[in-house]
Amino acid sequence: MEVLYYTRNKCELCKEGKLLLQLLQEDYPFKIIEKDIDASDELTEKFGLMIPVVEVCDEIIQYGRIDLLALEDKLKDYMHRKQYTC
């Protein structure tokens, strides 16, 4: 499964969120695809004030301050779906 992680440089919340995602990777099989919103005007417009943003299957599952337990619950939910078809 792929988890899109929208971030930007010099963002402390983004650094914290990435550490939480990496912690969850120890127990769950997913790949983090990090996207810097500053590299795209479209992404900056879409996510500018929300970052960091965690997206799975085209659905934003968390943004801003990332909550480990809530994020884990959402990831488990996607993994228990029919082979996470997205």
PDB file of N, CA and C in Angstrom:
ATOM      1  N   MET A   1       0.843  -1.168   0.000  1.00  0.00           N
ATOM      2  CA  MET A   1       0.000   0.000   0.000  1.00  0.00           C
ATOM      3  C   MET A   1       0.893   1.237   0.000  1.00  0.00           C
ATOM      4  N   GLU A   2       0.442   2.270  -0.663  1.00  0.00           N
ATOM      5  CA  GLU A   2       1.172   3.526  -0.712  1.00  0.00           C
ATOM      6  C   GLU A   2       0.469   4.585   0.122  1.00  0.00           C
ATOM      7  N   VAL A   3       1.263   5.297   0.890  1.00  0.00           N
ATOM      8  CA  VAL A   3       0.771   6.410   1.687  1.00  0.00           C
ATOM      9  C   VAL A   3       1.445   7.669   1.152  1.00  0.00           C
ATOM     10  N   LEU A   4       0.632   8.594   0.653  1.00  0.00           N
ATOM     11  CA  LEU A   4       1.180   9.868   0.191  1.00  0.00           C
ATOM     12  C   LEU A   4       1.305  10.790   1.390  1.00  0.00           C
ATOM     13  N   TYR A   5       2.461  11.427   1.499  1.00  0.00           N
ATOM     14  CA  TYR A   5       2.726  12.317   2.620  1.00  0.00           C
ATOM     15  C   TYR A   5       3.148  13.668   2.066  1.00  0.00           C
ATOM     16  N   TYR A   6       2.251  14.644   2.179  1.00  0.00           N
ATOM     17  CA  TYR A   6       2.499  15.985   1.664  1.00  0.00           C
ATOM     18  C   TYR A   6       3.143  16.812   2.761  1.00  0.00           C
ATOM     19  N   THR A   7       4.243  17.458   2.421  1.00  0.00           N
ATOM     20  CA  THR A   7       5.071  18.147   3.396  1.00  0.00           C
ATOM     21  C   THR A   7       5.743  19.353   2.743  1.00  0.00           C
ATOM     22  N   ARG A   8       6.557  20.040   3.508  1.00  0.00           N
ATOM     23  CA  ARG A   8       7.421  21.100   2.971  1.00  0.00           C
ATOM     24  C   ARG A   8       8.643  21.225   3.869  1.00  0.00           C
ATOM     25  N   ASN A   9       9.674  21.861   3.344  1.00  0.00           N
ATOM     26  CA  ASN A   9      10.909  22.046   4.103  1.00  0.00           C
ATOM     27  C   ASN A   9      10.658  22.925   5.326  1.00  0.00           C
ATOM     28  N   LYS A  10      11.467  22.731   6.342  1.00  0.00           N
ATOM     29  CA  LYS A  10      11.436  23.527   7.566  1.00  0.00           C
ATOM     30  C   LYS A  10      10.076  23.504   8.258  1.00  0.00           C
ATOM     31  N   CYS A  11       9.423  22.361   8.230  1.00  0.00           N
ATOM     32  CA  CYS A  11       8.118  22.184   8.869  1.00  0.00           C
ATOM     33  C   CYS A  11       8.287  21.172   9.997  1.00  0.00           C
ATOM     34  N   GLU A  12       8.231  21.645  11.236  1.00  0.00           N
ATOM     35  CA  GLU A  12       8.435  20.749  12.373  1.00  0.00           C
ATOM     36  C   GLU A  12       7.323  19.710  12.497  1.00  0.00           C
ATOM     37  N   LEU A  13       6.074  20.101  12.235  1.00  0.00           N
ATOM     38  CA  LEU A  13       4.982  19.123  12.261  1.00  0.00           C
ATOM     39  C   LEU A  13       5.196  18.032  11.226  1.00  0.00           C
ATOM     40  N   CYS A  14       5.765  18.417  10.085  1.00  0.00           N
ATOM     41  CA  CYS A  14       6.037  17.447   9.019  1.00  0.00           C
ATOM     42  C   CYS A  14       7.087  16.431   9.467  1.00  0.00           C
ATOM     43  N   LYS A  15       8.120  16.908  10.136  1.00  0.00           N
ATOM     44  CA  LYS A  15       9.171  16.011  10.633  1.00  0.00           C
ATOM     45  C   LYS A  15       8.595  15.034  11.655  1.00  0.00           C
ATOM     46  N   GLU A  16       7.769  15.557  12.570  1.00  0.00           N
ATOM     47  CA  GLU A  16       7.149  14.700  13.583  1.00  0.00           C
ATOM     48  C   GLU A  16       6.238  13.661  12.939  1.00  0.00           C
ATOM     49  N   GLY A  17       5.440  14.097  11.971  1.00  0.00           N
ATOM     50  CA  GLY A  17       4.525  13.191  11.287  1.00  0.00           C
ATOM     51  C   GLY A  17       5.253  12.087  10.545  1.00  0.00           C
ATOM     52  N   LYS A  18       6.358  12.438   9.912  1.00  0.00           N
ATOM     53  CA  LYS A  18       7.123  11.425   9.175  1.00  0.00           C
ATOM     54  C   LYS A  18       7.691  10.381  10.136  1.00  0.00           C
ATOM     55  N   LEU A  19       8.146  10.823  11.287  1.00  0.00           N
ATOM     56  CA  LEU A  19       8.657   9.870  12.283  1.00  0.00           C
ATOM     57  C   LEU A  19       7.555   8.909  12.726  1.00  0.00           C
ATOM     58  N   LEU A  20       6.341   9.416  12.889  1.00  0.00           N
ATOM     59  CA  LEU A  20       5.223   8.557  13.278  1.00  0.00           C
ATOM     60  C   LEU A  20       4.896   7.549  12.173  1.00  0.00           C
ATOM     61  N   LEU A  21       4.921   8.003  10.921  1.00  0.00           N
ATOM     62  CA  LEU A  21       4.690   7.082   9.801  1.00  0.00           C
ATOM     63  C   LEU A  21       5.765   6.001   9.768  1.00  0.00           C
ATOM     64  N   GLN A  22       7.002   6.402   9.957  1.00  0.00           N
ATOM     65  CA  GLN A  22       8.096   5.432   9.943  1.00  0.00           C
ATOM     66  C   GLN A  22       7.967   4.447  11.102  1.00  0.00           C
ATOM     67  N   LEU A  23       7.483   4.914  12.226  1.00  0.00           N
ATOM     68  CA  LEU A  23       7.252   4.032  13.367  1.00  0.00           C
ATOM     69  C   LEU A  23       6.192   2.985  13.021  1.00  0.00           C
ATOM     70  N   LEU A  24       5.128   3.415  12.359  1.00  0.00           N
ATOM     71  CA  LEU A  24       4.072   2.485  11.958  1.00  0.00           C
ATOM     72  C   LEU A  24       4.536   1.499  10.893  1.00  0.00           C
ATOM     73  N   GLN A  25       5.505   1.907  10.077  1.00  0.00           N
ATOM     74  CA  GLN A  25       6.048   1.003   9.048  1.00  0.00           C
ATOM     75  C   GLN A  25       6.701  -0.228   9.663  1.00  0.00           C
ATOM     76  N   GLU A  26       7.104  -0.137  10.912  1.00  0.00           N
ATOM     77  CA  GLU A  26       7.707  -1.293  11.572  1.00  0.00           C
ATOM     78  C   GLU A  26       6.692  -2.414  11.757  1.00  0.00           C
ATOM     79  N   ASP A  27       5.406  -2.062  11.822  1.00  0.00           N
ATOM     80  CA  ASP A  27       4.357  -3.060  12.063  1.00  0.00           C
ATOM     81  C   ASP A  27       3.424  -3.291  10.879  1.00  0.00           C
ATOM     82  N   TYR A  28       3.419  -2.378   9.921  1.00  0.00           N
ATOM     83  CA  TYR A  28       2.480  -2.473   8.799  1.00  0.00           C
ATOM     84  C   TYR A  28       3.224  -2.263   7.478  1.00  0.00           C
ATOM     85  N   PRO A  29       2.850  -3.059   6.462  1.00  0.00           N
ATOM     86  CA  PRO A  29       3.548  -2.965   5.168  1.00  0.00           C
ATOM     87  C   PRO A  29       2.967  -1.858   4.286  1.00  0.00           C
ATOM     88  N   PHE A  30       3.597  -0.697   4.308  1.00  0.00           N
ATOM     89  CA  PHE A  30       3.210   0.376   3.400  1.00  0.00           C
ATOM     90  C   PHE A  30       4.435   1.187   3.011  1.00  0.00           C
ATOM     91  N   LYS A  31       4.299   1.864   1.908  1.00  0.00           N
ATOM     92  CA  LYS A  31       5.381   2.682   1.377  1.00  0.00           C
ATOM     93  C   LYS A  31       4.995   4.147   1.534  1.00  0.00           C
ATOM     94  N   ILE A  32       5.924   4.961   2.025  1.00  0.00           N
ATOM     95  CA  ILE A  32       5.690   6.393   2.154  1.00  0.00           C
ATOM     96  C   ILE A  32       6.202   7.079   0.889  1.00  0.00           C
ATOM     97  N   ILE A  33       5.327   7.808   0.241  1.00  0.00           N
ATOM     98  CA  ILE A  33       5.725   8.621  -0.907  1.00  0.00           C
ATOM     99  C   ILE A  33       5.600  10.072  -0.469  1.00  0.00           C
ATOM    100  N   GLU A  34       6.727  10.700  -0.257  1.00  0.00           N
ATOM    101  CA  GLU A  34       6.749  12.069   0.246  1.00  0.00           C
ATOM    102  C   GLU A  34       6.709  13.055  -0.912  1.00  0.00           C
ATOM    103  N   LYS A  35       5.828  14.045  -0.793  1.00  0.00           N
ATOM    104  CA  LYS A  35       5.697  15.068  -1.827  1.00  0.00           C
ATOM    105  C   LYS A  35       5.820  16.442  -1.186  1.00  0.00           C
ATOM    106  N   ASP A  36       6.781  17.207  -1.691  1.00  0.00           N
ATOM    107  CA  ASP A  36       7.010  18.571  -1.216  1.00  0.00           C
ATOM    108  C   ASP A  36       6.021  19.486  -1.924  1.00  0.00           C
ATOM    109  N   ILE A  37       5.112  20.099  -1.171  1.00  0.00           N
ATOM    110  CA  ILE A  37       4.079  20.918  -1.813  1.00  0.00           C
ATOM    111  C   ILE A  37       4.661  22.181  -2.446  1.00  0.00           C
ATOM    112  N   ASP A  38       5.843  22.600  -1.998  1.00  0.00           N
ATOM    113  CA  ASP A  38       6.463  23.794  -2.571  1.00  0.00           C
ATOM    114  C   ASP A  38       6.979  23.560  -3.981  1.00  0.00           C
ATOM    115  N   ALA A  39       7.028  22.312  -4.411  1.00  0.00           N
ATOM    116  CA  ALA A  39       7.493  21.991  -5.763  1.00  0.00           C
ATOM    117  C   ALA A  39       6.378  22.143  -6.801  1.00  0.00           C
ATOM    118  N   SER A  40       5.164  22.409  -6.334  1.00  0.00           N
ATOM    119  CA  SER A  40       4.023  22.489  -7.239  1.00  0.00           C
ATOM    120  C   SER A  40       3.056  23.569  -6.771  1.00  0.00           C
ATOM    121  N   ASP A  41       2.742  24.516  -7.660  1.00  0.00           N
ATOM    122  CA  ASP A  41       1.763  25.553  -7.311  1.00  0.00           C
ATOM    123  C   ASP A  41       0.412  24.934  -6.973  1.00  0.00           C
ATOM    124  N   GLU A  42       0.045  23.896  -7.701  1.00  0.00           N
ATOM    125  CA  GLU A  42      -1.241  23.223  -7.471  1.00  0.00           C
ATOM    126  C   GLU A  42      -1.295  22.618  -6.066  1.00  0.00           C
ATOM    127  N   LEU A  43      -0.213  21.924  -5.673  1.00  0.00           N
ATOM    128  CA  LEU A  43      -0.172  21.319  -4.341  1.00  0.00           C
ATOM    129  C   LEU A  43      -0.112  22.380  -3.239  1.00  0.00           C
ATOM    130  N   THR A  44       0.627  23.456  -3.493  1.00  0.00           N
ATOM    131  CA  THR A  44       0.698  24.541  -2.512  1.00  0.00           C
ATOM    132  C   THR A  44      -0.676  25.152  -2.292  1.00  0.00           C
ATOM    133  N   GLU A  45      -1.407  25.360  -3.374  1.00  0.00           N
ATOM    134  CA  GLU A  45      -2.757  25.919  -3.268  1.00  0.00           C
ATOM    135  C   GLU A  45      -3.699  24.953  -2.540  1.00  0.00           C
ATOM    136  N   LYS A  46      -3.566  23.674  -2.841  1.00  0.00           N
ATOM    137  CA  LYS A  46      -4.457  22.669  -2.269  1.00  0.00           C
ATOM    138  C   LYS A  46      -4.181  22.411  -0.788  1.00  0.00           C
ATOM    139  N   PHE A  47      -2.900  22.326  -0.406  1.00  0.00           N
ATOM    140  CA  PHE A  47      -2.530  21.893   0.942  1.00  0.00           C
ATOM    141  C   PHE A  47      -1.790  22.941   1.777  1.00  0.00           C
ATOM    142  N   GLY A  48      -1.636  24.145   1.279  1.00  0.00           N
ATOM    143  CA  GLY A  48      -0.787  25.154   1.915  1.00  0.00           C
ATOM    144  C   GLY A  48      -0.871  25.266   3.423  1.00  0.00           C
ATOM    145  N   LEU A  49      -2.066  25.342   3.977  1.00  0.00           N
ATOM    146  CA  LEU A  49      -2.217  25.529   5.418  1.00  0.00           C
ATOM    147  C   LEU A  49      -2.524  24.247   6.169  1.00  0.00           C
ATOM    148  N   MET A  50      -2.619  23.137   5.454  1.00  0.00           N
ATOM    149  CA  MET A  50      -3.013  21.870   6.072  1.00  0.00           C
ATOM    150  C   MET A  50      -1.837  20.990   6.466  1.00  0.00           C
ATOM    151  N   ILE A  51      -0.662  21.238   5.926  1.00  0.00           N
ATOM    152  CA  ILE A  51       0.430  20.287   6.045  1.00  0.00           C
ATOM    153  C   ILE A  51       0.836  20.037   7.484  1.00  0.00           C
ATOM    154  N   PRO A  52       1.347  18.862   7.751  1.00  0.00           N
ATOM    155  CA  PRO A  52       1.469  17.738   6.834  1.00  0.00           C
ATOM    156  C   PRO A  52       0.109  17.090   6.567  1.00  0.00           C
ATOM    157  N   VAL A  53       0.044  16.395   5.434  1.00  0.00           N
ATOM    158  CA  VAL A  53      -1.184  15.712   5.030  1.00  0.00           C
ATOM    159  C   VAL A  53      -0.851  14.259   4.716  1.00  0.00           C
ATOM    160  N   VAL A  54      -1.634  13.341   5.270  1.00  0.00           N
ATOM    161  CA  VAL A  54      -1.482  11.910   4.999  1.00  0.00           C
ATOM    162  C   VAL A  54      -2.683  11.492   4.164  1.00  0.00           C
ATOM    163  N   GLU A  55      -2.383  10.895   3.001  1.00  0.00           N
ATOM    164  CA  GLU A  55      -3.444  10.503   2.067  1.00  0.00           C
ATOM    165  C   GLU A  55      -3.269   9.047   1.665  1.00  0.00           C
ATOM    166  N   VAL A  56      -4.376   8.318   1.669  1.00  0.00           N
ATOM    167  CA  VAL A  56      -4.388   6.921   1.241  1.00  0.00           C
ATOM    168  C   VAL A  56      -5.582   6.744   0.308  1.00  0.00           C
ATOM    169  N   CYS A  57      -5.347   6.148  -0.842  1.00  0.00           N
ATOM    170  CA  CYS A  57      -6.425   5.870  -1.796  1.00  0.00           C
ATOM    171  C   CYS A  57      -7.231   7.124  -2.110  1.00  0.00           C
ATOM    172  N   ASP A  58      -6.538   8.222  -2.357  1.00  0.00           N
ATOM    173  CA  ASP A  58      -7.171   9.500  -2.701  1.00  0.00           C
ATOM    174  C   ASP A  58      -8.039  10.072  -1.583  1.00  0.00           C
ATOM    175  N   GLU A  59      -7.836   9.613  -0.360  1.00  0.00           N
ATOM    176  CA  GLU A  59      -8.588  10.134   0.783  1.00  0.00           C
ATOM    177  C   GLU A  59      -7.608  10.688   1.820  1.00  0.00           C
ATOM    178  N   ILE A  60      -7.833  11.921   2.228  1.00  0.00           N
ATOM    179  CA  ILE A  60      -7.019  12.504   3.292  1.00  0.00           C
ATOM    180  C   ILE A  60      -7.457  11.868   4.604  1.00  0.00           C
ATOM    181  N   ILE A  61      -6.515  11.199   5.264  1.00  0.00           N
ATOM    182  CA  ILE A  61      -6.880  10.528   6.510  1.00  0.00           C
ATOM    183  C   ILE A  61      -6.402  11.292   7.742  1.00  0.00           C
ATOM    184  N   GLN A  62      -5.427  12.175   7.571  1.00  0.00           N
ATOM    185  CA  GLN A  62      -4.996  13.055   8.664  1.00  0.00           C
ATOM    186  C   GLN A  62      -4.269  14.244   8.073  1.00  0.00           C
ATOM    187  N   TYR A  63      -4.322  15.354   8.814  1.00  0.00           N
ATOM    188  CA  TYR A  63      -3.532  16.523   8.442  1.00  0.00           C
ATOM    189  C   TYR A  63      -3.261  17.361   9.683  1.00  0.00           C
ATOM    190  N   GLY A  64      -2.271  18.240   9.562  1.00  0.00           N
ATOM    191  CA  GLY A  64      -1.879  19.048  10.719  1.00  0.00           C
ATOM    192  C   GLY A  64      -1.118  18.195  11.705  1.00  0.00           C
ATOM    193  N   ARG A  65      -1.423  18.339  12.980  1.00  0.00           N
ATOM    194  CA  ARG A  65      -0.750  17.514  13.994  1.00  0.00           C
ATOM    195  C   ARG A  65      -1.266  16.088  13.863  1.00  0.00           C
ATOM    196  N   ILE A  66      -0.359  15.159  13.561  1.00  0.00           N
ATOM    197  CA  ILE A  66      -0.706  13.767  13.300  1.00  0.00           C
ATOM    198  C   ILE A  66      -0.854  13.022  14.634  1.00  0.00           C
ATOM    199  N   ASP A  67      -1.948  12.289  14.769  1.00  0.00           N
ATOM    200  CA  ASP A  67      -2.217  11.494  15.957  1.00  0.00           C
ATOM    201  C   ASP A  67      -1.896  10.033  15.646  1.00  0.00           C
ATOM    202  N   LEU A  68      -0.938   9.479  16.360  1.00  0.00           N
ATOM    203  CA  LEU A  68      -0.445   8.130  16.078  1.00  0.00           C
ATOM    204  C   LEU A  68      -1.549   7.083  16.127  1.00  0.00           C
ATOM    205  N   LEU A  69      -2.348   7.077  17.191  1.00  0.00           N
ATOM    206  CA  LEU A  69      -3.369   6.037  17.337  1.00  0.00           C
ATOM    207  C   LEU A  69      -4.462   6.151  16.278  1.00  0.00           C
ATOM    208  N   ALA A  70      -4.895   7.363  15.983  1.00  0.00           N
ATOM    209  CA  ALA A  70      -5.922   7.557  14.951  1.00  0.00           C
ATOM    210  C   ALA A  70      -5.376   7.164  13.581  1.00  0.00           C
ATOM    211  N   LEU A  71      -4.123   7.515  13.315  1.00  0.00           N
ATOM    212  CA  LEU A  71      -3.500   7.157  12.047  1.00  0.00           C
ATOM    213  C   LEU A  71      -3.374   5.644  11.917  1.00  0.00           C
ATOM    214  N   GLU A  72      -2.965   4.987  12.985  1.00  0.00           N
ATOM    215  CA  GLU A  72      -2.844   3.532  12.963  1.00  0.00           C
ATOM    216  C   GLU A  72      -4.204   2.883  12.689  1.00  0.00           C
ATOM    217  N   ASP A  73      -5.250   3.381  13.325  1.00  0.00           N
ATOM    218  CA  ASP A  73      -6.594   2.835  13.092  1.00  0.00           C
ATOM    219  C   ASP A  73      -7.006   2.968  11.632  1.00  0.00           C
ATOM    220  N   LYS A  74      -6.746   4.131  11.038  1.00  0.00           N
ATOM    221  CA  LYS A  74      -7.106   4.349   9.628  1.00  0.00           C
ATOM    222  C   LYS A  74      -6.311   3.422   8.710  1.00  0.00           C
ATOM    223  N   LEU A  75      -5.013   3.290   8.965  1.00  0.00           N
ATOM    224  CA  LEU A  75      -4.181   2.420   8.133  1.00  0.00           C
ATOM    225  C   LEU A  75      -4.641   0.967   8.238  1.00  0.00           C
ATOM    226  N   LYS A  76      -4.945   0.521   9.447  1.00  0.00           N
ATOM    227  CA  LYS A  76      -5.443  -0.849   9.620  1.00  0.00           C
ATOM    228  C   LYS A  76      -6.751  -1.042   8.868  1.00  0.00           C
ATOM    229  N   ASP A  77      -7.597  -0.040   8.896  1.00  0.00           N
ATOM    230  CA  ASP A  77      -8.868  -0.108   8.177  1.00  0.00           C
ATOM    231  C   ASP A  77      -8.632  -0.306   6.677  1.00  0.00           C
ATOM    232  N   TYR A  78      -7.720   0.456   6.098  1.00  0.00           N
ATOM    233  CA  TYR A  78      -7.418   0.303   4.675  1.00  0.00           C
ATOM    234  C   TYR A  78      -6.815  -1.055   4.369  1.00  0.00           C
ATOM    235  N   MET A  79      -5.976  -1.547   5.245  1.00  0.00           N
ATOM    236  CA  MET A  79      -5.325  -2.829   5.004  1.00  0.00           C
ATOM    237  C   MET A  79      -6.278  -3.996   5.109  1.00  0.00           C
ATOM    238  N   HIS A  80      -7.360  -3.835   5.855  1.00  0.00           N
ATOM    239  CA  HIS A  80      -8.336  -4.904   5.987  1.00  0.00           C
ATOM    240  C   HIS A  80      -9.395  -4.864   4.887  1.00  0.00           C
ATOM    241  N   ARG A  81      -9.386  -3.820   4.084  1.00  0.00           N
ATOM    242  CA  ARG A  81     -10.300  -3.775   2.936  1.00  0.00           C
ATOM    243  C   ARG A  81      -9.818  -4.791   1.915  1.00  0.00           C
ATOM    244  N   LYS A  82     -10.580  -5.027   0.915  1.00  0.00           N
ATOM    245  CA  LYS A  82     -10.232  -6.016  -0.122  1.00  0.00           C
ATOM    246  C   LYS A  82      -8.914  -5.673  -0.796  1.00  0.00           C
ATOM    247  N   GLN A  83      -7.860  -6.099  -0.182  1.00  0.00           N
ATOM    248  CA  GLN A  83      -6.505  -5.864  -0.704  1.00  0.00           C
ATOM    249  C   GLN A  83      -6.273  -4.394  -1.038  1.00  0.00           C
ATOM    250  N   TYR A  84      -6.872  -3.521  -0.222  1.00  0.00           N
ATOM    251  CA  TYR A  84      -6.782  -2.078  -0.390  1.00  0.00           C
ATOM    252  C   TYR A  84      -6.824  -1.660  -1.854  1.00  0.00           C
ATOM    253  N   THR A  85      -7.926  -1.990  -2.509  1.00  0.00           N
ATOM    254  CA  THR A  85      -8.096  -1.663  -3.923  1.00  0.00           C
ATOM    255  C   THR A  85      -8.322  -0.174  -4.096  1.00  0.00           C
ATOM    256  N   CYS A  86      -7.287   0.466  -4.520  1.00  0.00           N
ATOM    257  CA  CYS A  86      -7.372   1.886  -4.841  1.00  0.00           C
ATOM    258  C   CYS A  86      -6.280   2.223  -5.829  1.00  0.00           C
TER     259      CYS A  86
END
